């Protein structure tokens, strides 16, 4: 598909990843001699490729083939791979985005600890290929009553201690789909990270929080609060699971810092601002 769609305009070279971190290394090398670097995959693949393009003038193009495709959705990129590829052979725009760096790994959209990480960990890979985002429903239901965890969250040197079911560090504005969003004021190009803490004490409160998510005003819930800053460290006792752009990544601590205007992404002409609703 890539050759037939792009071959008339570009000299296309397909590189397959072979080990964790390979996409980052391949992207870094490819950026030196390429006009565009394409990431074909889901949000985790996009983040891996973006890790190799931080600070580069070579833009990233996204061909979404994952289960959630949150980054593509947020930028107005079509979810059909052929339609996404056609953006490159038609007039298009570039968006300059921040990333959050967790070590050498770039987080383009979101990281988290607690409930969301358990859901990402337990979603079956085979089901994700078949059912896309619906594959997250079984583990999401399974972990609705996940125990509260004691967290220590440090944002720009100021520490908050709390008990929560989930802590998200957001560069983008929604979870899984635009309908599960935090609010329209979280942007991937504002130079800060938004730390969202969710502490519903029981199942009924968790379901109420979910309703606030669905209407796009979770910040109004008394079981949600938000911190903002450029440097974030999340610790938990006992250590809690974490995820980076939908990929399970072990346990806390999680340390991230924002890297403003770190990457350029090719988007459809007229896509305008990143979509938050």
C-alpha atoms as a PDB file:
ATOM      1  CA  UNK A   1       0.000   0.000   0.000  1.00  0.00           C
ATOM      2  CA  UNK A   2       2.792   2.442   0.872  1.00  0.00           C
ATOM      3  CA  UNK A   3       4.652   1.758  -2.365  1.00  0.00           C
ATOM      4  CA  UNK A   4       1.561   2.153  -4.544  1.00  0.00           C
ATOM      5  CA  UNK A   5       0.387   5.334  -2.795  1.00  0.00           C
ATOM      6  CA  UNK A   6       3.704   7.057  -2.138  1.00  0.00           C
ATOM      7  CA  UNK A   7       6.063   5.561  -4.721  1.00  0.00           C
ATOM      8  CA  UNK A   8       5.180   8.103  -7.416  1.00  0.00           C
ATOM      9  CA  UNK A   9       6.353  10.973  -5.206  1.00  0.00           C
ATOM     10  CA  UNK A  10       8.812   9.469  -2.722  1.00  0.00           C
ATOM     11  CA  UNK A  11      11.591   6.925  -2.730  1.00  0.00           C
ATOM     12  CA  UNK A  12      10.056   4.636  -0.109  1.00  0.00           C
ATOM     13  CA  UNK A  13      12.239   2.508   2.147  1.00  0.00           C
ATOM     14  CA  UNK A  14      10.513   0.143   4.597  1.00  0.00           C
ATOM     15  CA  UNK A  15      12.357  -0.701   7.818  1.00  0.00           C
ATOM     16  CA  UNK A  16      11.029  -3.301  10.250  1.00  0.00           C
ATOM     17  CA  UNK A  17      11.774  -3.122  13.954  1.00  0.00           C
ATOM     18  CA  UNK A  18      13.460  -6.052  15.633  1.00  0.00           C
ATOM     19  CA  UNK A  19      13.771  -5.221  19.337  1.00  0.00           C
ATOM     20  CA  UNK A  20      12.570  -2.687  21.941  1.00  0.00           C
ATOM     21  CA  UNK A  21      14.005   0.731  21.131  1.00  0.00           C
ATOM     22  CA  UNK A  22      14.773  -0.259  17.546  1.00  0.00           C
ATOM     23  CA  UNK A  23      12.203   2.169  16.124  1.00  0.00           C
ATOM     24  CA  UNK A  24      13.865   5.042  17.978  1.00  0.00           C
ATOM     25  CA  UNK A  25      17.293   4.147  16.621  1.00  0.00           C
ATOM     26  CA  UNK A  26      16.024   3.606  13.068  1.00  0.00           C
ATOM     27  CA  UNK A  27      14.158   6.923  13.121  1.00  0.00           C
ATOM     28  CA  UNK A  28      17.232   8.781  14.367  1.00  0.00           C
ATOM     29  CA  UNK A  29      19.356   7.365  11.562  1.00  0.00           C
ATOM     30  CA  UNK A  30      16.661   7.808   8.906  1.00  0.00           C
ATOM     31  CA  UNK A  31      16.108  11.452   9.824  1.00  0.00           C
ATOM     32  CA  UNK A  32      19.604  12.274   8.575  1.00  0.00           C
ATOM     33  CA  UNK A  33      18.805  11.326   4.977  1.00  0.00           C
ATOM     34  CA  UNK A  34      14.997  11.369   4.667  1.00  0.00           C
ATOM     35  CA  UNK A  35      12.405  14.022   3.889  1.00  0.00           C
ATOM     36  CA  UNK A  36       9.796  12.282   6.054  1.00  0.00           C
ATOM     37  CA  UNK A  37       9.853   9.434   8.577  1.00  0.00           C
ATOM     38  CA  UNK A  38       6.652   7.386   8.756  1.00  0.00           C
ATOM     39  CA  UNK A  39       5.467   5.483  11.812  1.00  0.00           C
ATOM     40  CA  UNK A  40       3.189   2.601  10.847  1.00  0.00           C
ATOM     41  CA  UNK A  41       1.516   1.269  13.977  1.00  0.00           C
ATOM     42  CA  UNK A  42      -0.265   2.355  17.128  1.00  0.00           C
ATOM     43  CA  UNK A  43       0.474   4.997  19.728  1.00  0.00           C
ATOM     44  CA  UNK A  44       3.410   3.061  21.167  1.00  0.00           C
ATOM     45  CA  UNK A  45       5.073   2.825  17.772  1.00  0.00           C
ATOM     46  CA  UNK A  46       4.426   6.518  17.131  1.00  0.00           C
ATOM     47  CA  UNK A  47       6.072   7.349  20.459  1.00  0.00           C
ATOM     48  CA  UNK A  48       9.081   5.137  19.711  1.00  0.00           C
ATOM     49  CA  UNK A  49       9.626   6.797  16.333  1.00  0.00           C
ATOM     50  CA  UNK A  50       9.081  10.254  17.829  1.00  0.00           C
ATOM     51  CA  UNK A  51      11.796   9.450  20.382  1.00  0.00           C
ATOM     52  CA  UNK A  52      14.292   9.325  17.533  1.00  0.00           C
ATOM     53  CA  UNK A  53      13.056  12.559  15.959  1.00  0.00           C
ATOM     54  CA  UNK A  54      13.157  14.865  18.996  1.00  0.00           C
ATOM     55  CA  UNK A  55      14.952  18.035  17.966  1.00  0.00           C
ATOM     56  CA  UNK A  56      15.072  17.020  14.305  1.00  0.00           C
ATOM     57  CA  UNK A  57      13.702  19.073  11.421  1.00  0.00           C
ATOM     58  CA  UNK A  58      12.555  15.876   9.706  1.00  0.00           C
ATOM     59  CA  UNK A  59       8.788  15.560  10.161  1.00  0.00           C
ATOM     60  CA  UNK A  60       6.911  12.522  11.405  1.00  0.00           C
ATOM     61  CA  UNK A  61       4.021  11.075   9.413  1.00  0.00           C
ATOM     62  CA  UNK A  62       1.580   8.644  11.017  1.00  0.00           C
ATOM     63  CA  UNK A  63      -0.101   5.644   9.400  1.00  0.00           C
ATOM     64  CA  UNK A  64      -2.390   4.453  12.224  1.00  0.00           C
ATOM     65  CA  UNK A  65      -2.798   0.689  12.519  1.00  0.00           C
ATOM     66  CA  UNK A  66      -3.073   0.331  16.303  1.00  0.00           C
ATOM     67  CA  UNK A  67      -5.943  -0.300  18.682  1.00  0.00           C
ATOM     68  CA  UNK A  68      -6.523   3.209  20.073  1.00  0.00           C
ATOM     69  CA  UNK A  69      -4.629   5.544  17.695  1.00  0.00           C
ATOM     70  CA  UNK A  70      -5.080   8.430  20.114  1.00  0.00           C
ATOM     71  CA  UNK A  71      -2.327  10.565  18.580  1.00  0.00           C
ATOM     72  CA  UNK A  72      -3.719  10.243  15.053  1.00  0.00           C
ATOM     73  CA  UNK A  73      -7.242  11.004  16.269  1.00  0.00           C
ATOM     74  CA  UNK A  74      -6.090  14.107  18.131  1.00  0.00           C
ATOM     75  CA  UNK A  75      -4.441  15.506  14.993  1.00  0.00           C
ATOM     76  CA  UNK A  76      -7.283  14.795  12.576  1.00  0.00           C
ATOM     77  CA  UNK A  77      -5.342  12.075  10.738  1.00  0.00           C
ATOM     78  CA  UNK A  78      -7.670   9.523   9.083  1.00  0.00           C
ATOM     79  CA  UNK A  79      -7.772   6.146  10.793  1.00  0.00           C
ATOM     80  CA  UNK A  80      -7.795   4.283   7.465  1.00  0.00           C
ATOM     81  CA  UNK A  81      -4.140   3.598   6.550  1.00  0.00           C
ATOM     82  CA  UNK A  82      -4.617   4.315   2.833  1.00  0.00           C
ATOM     83  CA  UNK A  83      -6.308   7.645   3.562  1.00  0.00           C
ATOM     84  CA  UNK A  84      -3.572   8.565   6.036  1.00  0.00           C
ATOM     85  CA  UNK A  85      -0.896   7.770   3.440  1.00  0.00           C
ATOM     86  CA  UNK A  86      -2.599   9.977   0.848  1.00  0.00           C
ATOM     87  CA  UNK A  87      -2.001  13.006   3.074  1.00  0.00           C
ATOM     88  CA  UNK A  88       1.656  12.852   2.030  1.00  0.00           C
ATOM     89  CA  UNK A  89       0.949  13.154  -1.693  1.00  0.00           C
ATOM     90  CA  UNK A  90      -1.521  16.008  -1.295  1.00  0.00           C
ATOM     91  CA  UNK A  91      -1.097  19.519   0.100  1.00  0.00           C
ATOM     92  CA  UNK A  92      -0.655  19.169   3.852  1.00  0.00           C
ATOM     93  CA  UNK A  93       0.396  21.065   6.948  1.00  0.00           C
ATOM     94  CA  UNK A  94       2.848  20.488   9.777  1.00  0.00           C
ATOM     95  CA  UNK A  95       2.088  20.665  13.487  1.00  0.00           C
ATOM     96  CA  UNK A  96       4.821  21.362  16.013  1.00  0.00           C
ATOM     97  CA  UNK A  97       4.202  19.386  19.205  1.00  0.00           C
ATOM     98  CA  UNK A  98       5.708  18.988  22.642  1.00  0.00           C
ATOM     99  CA  UNK A  99       6.692  15.581  23.950  1.00  0.00           C
ATOM    100  CA  UNK A 100       7.334  14.397  27.486  1.00  0.00           C
ATOM    101  CA  UNK A 101      10.613  12.579  27.983  1.00  0.00           C
ATOM    102  CA  UNK A 102      10.735   9.576  30.306  1.00  0.00           C
ATOM    103  CA  UNK A 103      14.429   8.817  30.078  1.00  0.00           C
ATOM    104  CA  UNK A 104      15.100   8.402  26.345  1.00  0.00           C
ATOM    105  CA  UNK A 105      11.485   7.483  25.617  1.00  0.00           C
ATOM    106  CA  UNK A 106       9.220  10.212  24.240  1.00  0.00           C
ATOM    107  CA  UNK A 107       5.613  10.252  25.399  1.00  0.00           C
ATOM    108  CA  UNK A 108       3.534  11.959  22.737  1.00  0.00           C
ATOM    109  CA  UNK A 109       0.078  11.653  24.250  1.00  0.00           C
ATOM    110  CA  UNK A 110      -0.127  10.322  27.803  1.00  0.00           C
ATOM    111  CA  UNK A 111       1.413   8.249  30.574  1.00  0.00           C
ATOM    112  CA  UNK A 112      -0.191   6.934  33.703  1.00  0.00           C
ATOM    113  CA  UNK A 113      -0.061   4.812  36.816  1.00  0.00           C
ATOM    114  CA  UNK A 114      -2.683   2.643  38.472  1.00  0.00           C
ATOM    115  CA  UNK A 115      -5.962   1.704  36.829  1.00  0.00           C
ATOM    116  CA  UNK A 116      -5.057   2.672  33.264  1.00  0.00           C
ATOM    117  CA  UNK A 117      -1.751   0.801  33.397  1.00  0.00           C
ATOM    118  CA  UNK A 118      -3.520  -2.357  34.576  1.00  0.00           C
ATOM    119  CA  UNK A 119      -5.962  -2.047  31.676  1.00  0.00           C
ATOM    120  CA  UNK A 120      -3.130  -1.615  29.160  1.00  0.00           C
ATOM    121  CA  UNK A 121      -1.201  -4.501  30.691  1.00  0.00           C
ATOM    122  CA  UNK A 122      -4.103  -6.943  30.556  1.00  0.00           C
ATOM    123  CA  UNK A 123      -5.577  -6.092  27.132  1.00  0.00           C
ATOM    124  CA  UNK A 124      -5.000  -9.136  24.933  1.00  0.00           C
ATOM    125  CA  UNK A 125      -2.753  -8.444  21.959  1.00  0.00           C
ATOM    126  CA  UNK A 126      -4.695 -10.797  19.684  1.00  0.00           C
ATOM    127  CA  UNK A 127      -7.980  -9.130  20.611  1.00  0.00           C
ATOM    128  CA  UNK A 128      -6.510  -5.670  20.003  1.00  0.00           C
ATOM    129  CA  UNK A 129      -5.747  -6.672  16.421  1.00  0.00           C
ATOM    130  CA  UNK A 130      -9.330  -7.821  15.895  1.00  0.00           C
ATOM    131  CA  UNK A 131     -11.416  -5.444  17.997  1.00  0.00           C
ATOM    132  CA  UNK A 132      -9.160  -2.373  18.271  1.00  0.00           C
ATOM    133  CA  UNK A 133     -10.142  -0.206  21.260  1.00  0.00           C
ATOM    134  CA  UNK A 134     -12.922  -2.593  22.292  1.00  0.00           C
ATOM    135  CA  UNK A 135     -10.165  -4.945  23.448  1.00  0.00           C
ATOM    136  CA  UNK A 136      -9.708  -2.663  26.449  1.00  0.00           C
ATOM    137  CA  UNK A 137     -13.280  -3.157  27.681  1.00  0.00           C
ATOM    138  CA  UNK A 138     -12.788  -6.527  29.475  1.00  0.00           C
ATOM    139  CA  UNK A 139      -9.759  -5.405  31.534  1.00  0.00           C
ATOM    140  CA  UNK A 140     -11.396  -2.011  32.132  1.00  0.00           C
ATOM    141  CA  UNK A 141     -14.364  -3.755  33.745  1.00  0.00           C
ATOM    142  CA  UNK A 142     -12.149  -6.227  35.586  1.00  0.00           C
ATOM    143  CA  UNK A 143     -10.133  -3.496  37.303  1.00  0.00           C
ATOM    144  CA  UNK A 144     -12.955  -1.062  38.154  1.00  0.00           C
ATOM    145  CA  UNK A 145     -12.437  -1.827  41.835  1.00  0.00           C
ATOM    146  CA  UNK A 146      -8.637  -1.617  41.784  1.00  0.00           C
ATOM    147  CA  UNK A 147      -7.400  -0.757  45.307  1.00  0.00           C
ATOM    148  CA  UNK A 148      -6.358   2.785  46.133  1.00  0.00           C
ATOM    149  CA  UNK A 149      -2.607   3.437  46.104  1.00  0.00           C
ATOM    150  CA  UNK A 150      -0.589   5.918  48.138  1.00  0.00           C
ATOM    151  CA  UNK A 151       1.194   8.305  45.748  1.00  0.00           C
ATOM    152  CA  UNK A 152       3.861  10.945  46.163  1.00  0.00           C
ATOM    153  CA  UNK A 153       3.704  13.364  43.216  1.00  0.00           C
ATOM    154  CA  UNK A 154       6.332  16.056  42.700  1.00  0.00           C
ATOM    155  CA  UNK A 155       5.640  18.765  40.124  1.00  0.00           C
ATOM    156  CA  UNK A 156       8.324  21.387  39.529  1.00  0.00           C
ATOM    157  CA  UNK A 157       9.758  20.738  42.987  1.00  0.00           C
ATOM    158  CA  UNK A 158       6.463  20.878  44.918  1.00  0.00           C
ATOM    159  CA  UNK A 159       5.356  17.565  46.428  1.00  0.00           C
ATOM    160  CA  UNK A 160       1.803  16.335  46.972  1.00  0.00           C
ATOM    161  CA  UNK A 161       0.943  13.132  48.816  1.00  0.00           C
ATOM    162  CA  UNK A 162      -2.381  11.488  48.078  1.00  0.00           C
ATOM    163  CA  UNK A 163      -4.292   8.235  47.800  1.00  0.00           C
ATOM    164  CA  UNK A 164      -5.660   7.552  44.318  1.00  0.00           C
ATOM    165  CA  UNK A 165      -6.784   4.862  41.907  1.00  0.00           C
ATOM    166  CA  UNK A 166      -5.122   6.462  38.892  1.00  0.00           C
ATOM    167  CA  UNK A 167      -2.636   9.210  38.096  1.00  0.00           C
ATOM    168  CA  UNK A 168      -2.311  10.379  34.501  1.00  0.00           C
ATOM    169  CA  UNK A 169       0.365  12.665  33.067  1.00  0.00           C
ATOM    170  CA  UNK A 170      -1.201  14.159  29.968  1.00  0.00           C
ATOM    171  CA  UNK A 171       0.277  15.879  26.949  1.00  0.00           C
ATOM    172  CA  UNK A 172      -2.969  15.272  25.023  1.00  0.00           C
ATOM    173  CA  UNK A 173      -6.547  15.867  26.041  1.00  0.00           C
ATOM    174  CA  UNK A 174      -8.327  12.507  26.016  1.00  0.00           C
ATOM    175  CA  UNK A 175      -8.109   8.808  26.861  1.00  0.00           C
ATOM    176  CA  UNK A 176      -8.601   6.127  24.171  1.00  0.00           C
ATOM    177  CA  UNK A 177     -11.128   8.184  22.234  1.00  0.00           C
ATOM    178  CA  UNK A 178     -12.156  11.831  22.000  1.00  0.00           C
ATOM    179  CA  UNK A 179     -15.278  11.059  24.037  1.00  0.00           C
ATOM    180  CA  UNK A 180     -13.213  10.216  27.127  1.00  0.00           C
ATOM    181  CA  UNK A 181     -11.562  13.595  27.526  1.00  0.00           C
ATOM    182  CA  UNK A 182     -10.269  15.707  30.378  1.00  0.00           C
ATOM    183  CA  UNK A 183     -11.111  19.126  29.008  1.00  0.00           C
ATOM    184  CA  UNK A 184     -10.489  21.372  26.063  1.00  0.00           C
ATOM    185  CA  UNK A 185      -7.689  23.329  27.761  1.00  0.00           C
ATOM    186  CA  UNK A 186      -5.109  20.515  27.682  1.00  0.00           C
ATOM    187  CA  UNK A 187      -2.947  21.019  24.621  1.00  0.00           C
ATOM    188  CA  UNK A 188       0.029  19.141  23.153  1.00  0.00           C
ATOM    189  CA  UNK A 189       1.819  22.383  22.325  1.00  0.00           C
ATOM    190  CA  UNK A 190       1.499  24.506  25.481  1.00  0.00           C
ATOM    191  CA  UNK A 191       4.869  23.677  27.041  1.00  0.00           C
ATOM    192  CA  UNK A 192       3.460  22.035  30.183  1.00  0.00           C
ATOM    193  CA  UNK A 193       2.233  18.644  31.372  1.00  0.00           C
ATOM    194  CA  UNK A 194      -1.100  18.127  33.107  1.00  0.00           C
ATOM    195  CA  UNK A 195      -1.109  15.689  36.024  1.00  0.00           C
ATOM    196  CA  UNK A 196      -4.609  14.329  36.604  1.00  0.00           C
ATOM    197  CA  UNK A 197      -5.292  12.556  39.913  1.00  0.00           C
ATOM    198  CA  UNK A 198      -8.421  10.417  40.293  1.00  0.00           C
ATOM    199  CA  UNK A 199      -9.498   9.242  43.746  1.00  0.00           C
ATOM    200  CA  UNK A 200     -13.049   7.823  43.678  1.00  0.00           C
ATOM    201  CA  UNK A 201     -13.452   5.974  47.010  1.00  0.00           C
ATOM    202  CA  UNK A 202     -15.867   3.276  45.816  1.00  0.00           C
ATOM    203  CA  UNK A 203     -17.480   1.772  42.715  1.00  0.00           C
ATOM    204  CA  UNK A 204     -20.412   4.196  42.623  1.00  0.00           C
ATOM    205  CA  UNK A 205     -17.991   7.129  42.672  1.00  0.00           C
ATOM    206  CA  UNK A 206     -15.929   5.491  39.918  1.00  0.00           C
ATOM    207  CA  UNK A 207     -19.022   5.187  37.714  1.00  0.00           C
ATOM    208  CA  UNK A 208     -19.904   8.825  38.406  1.00  0.00           C
ATOM    209  CA  UNK A 209     -16.379   9.815  37.402  1.00  0.00           C
ATOM    210  CA  UNK A 210     -16.775   7.855  34.169  1.00  0.00           C
ATOM    211  CA  UNK A 211     -19.937   9.817  33.359  1.00  0.00           C
ATOM    212  CA  UNK A 212     -18.011  13.067  33.798  1.00  0.00           C
ATOM    213  CA  UNK A 213     -15.398  11.682  31.384  1.00  0.00           C
ATOM    214  CA  UNK A 214     -18.074  10.884  28.821  1.00  0.00           C
ATOM    215  CA  UNK A 215     -19.464  14.422  28.831  1.00  0.00           C
ATOM    216  CA  UNK A 216     -15.980  15.932  28.651  1.00  0.00           C
ATOM    217  CA  UNK A 217     -15.993  17.683  32.020  1.00  0.00           C
ATOM    218  CA  UNK A 218     -14.161  15.290  34.322  1.00  0.00           C
ATOM    219  CA  UNK A 219     -12.426  18.259  35.927  1.00  0.00           C
ATOM    220  CA  UNK A 220     -15.738  19.192  37.550  1.00  0.00           C
ATOM    221  CA  UNK A 221     -15.864  15.927  39.466  1.00  0.00           C
ATOM    222  CA  UNK A 222     -14.929  16.102  43.147  1.00  0.00           C
ATOM    223  CA  UNK A 223     -13.002  12.877  42.584  1.00  0.00           C
ATOM    224  CA  UNK A 224     -10.580  14.507  40.136  1.00  0.00           C
ATOM    225  CA  UNK A 225      -7.922  17.159  40.521  1.00  0.00           C
ATOM    226  CA  UNK A 226      -5.191  18.520  38.336  1.00  0.00           C
ATOM    227  CA  UNK A 227      -1.648  19.798  38.680  1.00  0.00           C
ATOM    228  CA  UNK A 228       0.432  21.440  35.962  1.00  0.00           C
ATOM    229  CA  UNK A 229       4.146  21.729  35.421  1.00  0.00           C
ATOM    230  CA  UNK A 230       7.189  20.951  33.327  1.00  0.00           C
ATOM    231  CA  UNK A 231       8.905  18.291  35.450  1.00  0.00           C
ATOM    232  CA  UNK A 232       6.874  15.489  37.047  1.00  0.00           C
ATOM    233  CA  UNK A 233       7.870  12.588  39.284  1.00  0.00           C
ATOM    234  CA  UNK A 234       5.329   9.979  40.415  1.00  0.00           C
ATOM    235  CA  UNK A 235       6.207   7.559  43.217  1.00  0.00           C
ATOM    236  CA  UNK A 236       3.960   4.976  44.861  1.00  0.00           C
ATOM    237  CA  UNK A 237       3.992   2.757  47.933  1.00  0.00           C
ATOM    238  CA  UNK A 238       3.902  -0.080  47.126  1.00  0.00           C
ATOM    239  CA  UNK A 239       5.220   0.450  43.556  1.00  0.00           C
ATOM    240  CA  UNK A 240       2.329   0.789  41.101  1.00  0.00           C
ATOM    241  CA  UNK A 241       2.119  -0.215  37.417  1.00  0.00           C
ATOM    242  CA  UNK A 242       2.790   2.421  34.757  1.00  0.00           C
ATOM    243  CA  UNK A 243       2.078   2.822  31.047  1.00  0.00           C
ATOM    244  CA  UNK A 244       3.615   5.077  28.412  1.00  0.00           C
ATOM    245  CA  UNK A 245       1.407   5.925  25.431  1.00  0.00           C
ATOM    246  CA  UNK A 246      -0.566   2.728  25.946  1.00  0.00           C
ATOM    247  CA  UNK A 247       2.417   0.422  26.444  1.00  0.00           C
ATOM    248  CA  UNK A 248       2.814  -1.265  29.822  1.00  0.00           C
ATOM    249  CA  UNK A 249       6.192  -0.115  31.175  1.00  0.00           C
ATOM    250  CA  UNK A 250       6.741  -1.748  34.558  1.00  0.00           C
ATOM    251  CA  UNK A 251       6.228   0.023  37.869  1.00  0.00           C
ATOM    252  CA  UNK A 252       6.852   3.383  39.515  1.00  0.00           C
ATOM    253  CA  UNK A 253       8.752   5.609  39.899  1.00  0.00           C
ATOM    254  CA  UNK A 254       7.791   7.513  36.767  1.00  0.00           C
ATOM    255  CA  UNK A 255       9.760  10.661  35.972  1.00  0.00           C
ATOM    256  CA  UNK A 256       8.967  12.911  33.016  1.00  0.00           C
ATOM    257  CA  UNK A 257       9.930  16.341  31.758  1.00  0.00           C
ATOM    258  CA  UNK A 258       8.345  18.299  28.953  1.00  0.00           C
ATOM    259  CA  UNK A 259      10.371  19.025  25.829  1.00  0.00           C
ATOM    260  CA  UNK A 260       8.599  21.944  24.128  1.00  0.00           C
ATOM    261  CA  UNK A 261       8.259  22.096  20.334  1.00  0.00           C
ATOM    262  CA  UNK A 262      10.132  18.805  20.086  1.00  0.00           C
ATOM    263  CA  UNK A 263       8.709  17.224  16.922  1.00  0.00           C
ATOM    264  CA  UNK A 264       6.941  18.152  13.707  1.00  0.00           C
ATOM    265  CA  UNK A 265       4.030  16.025  12.517  1.00  0.00           C
ATOM    266  CA  UNK A 266       2.445  16.009   9.070  1.00  0.00           C
ATOM    267  CA  UNK A 267      -1.329  16.541   9.269  1.00  0.00           C
ATOM    268  CA  UNK A 268      -4.096  17.090   6.698  1.00  0.00           C
ATOM    269  CA  UNK A 269      -4.281  20.539   5.134  1.00  0.00           C
ATOM    270  CA  UNK A 270      -6.591  22.688   7.212  1.00  0.00           C
ATOM    271  CA  UNK A 271      -6.518  20.373  10.239  1.00  0.00           C
ATOM    272  CA  UNK A 272      -5.686  23.465  12.275  1.00  0.00           C
ATOM    273  CA  UNK A 273      -5.283  23.106  16.023  1.00  0.00           C
ATOM    274  CA  UNK A 274      -4.940  19.651  17.589  1.00  0.00           C
ATOM    275  CA  UNK A 275      -8.423  18.266  18.190  1.00  0.00           C
ATOM    276  CA  UNK A 276      -9.460  18.247  21.848  1.00  0.00           C
ATOM    277  CA  UNK A 277     -13.145  17.520  21.425  1.00  0.00           C
END
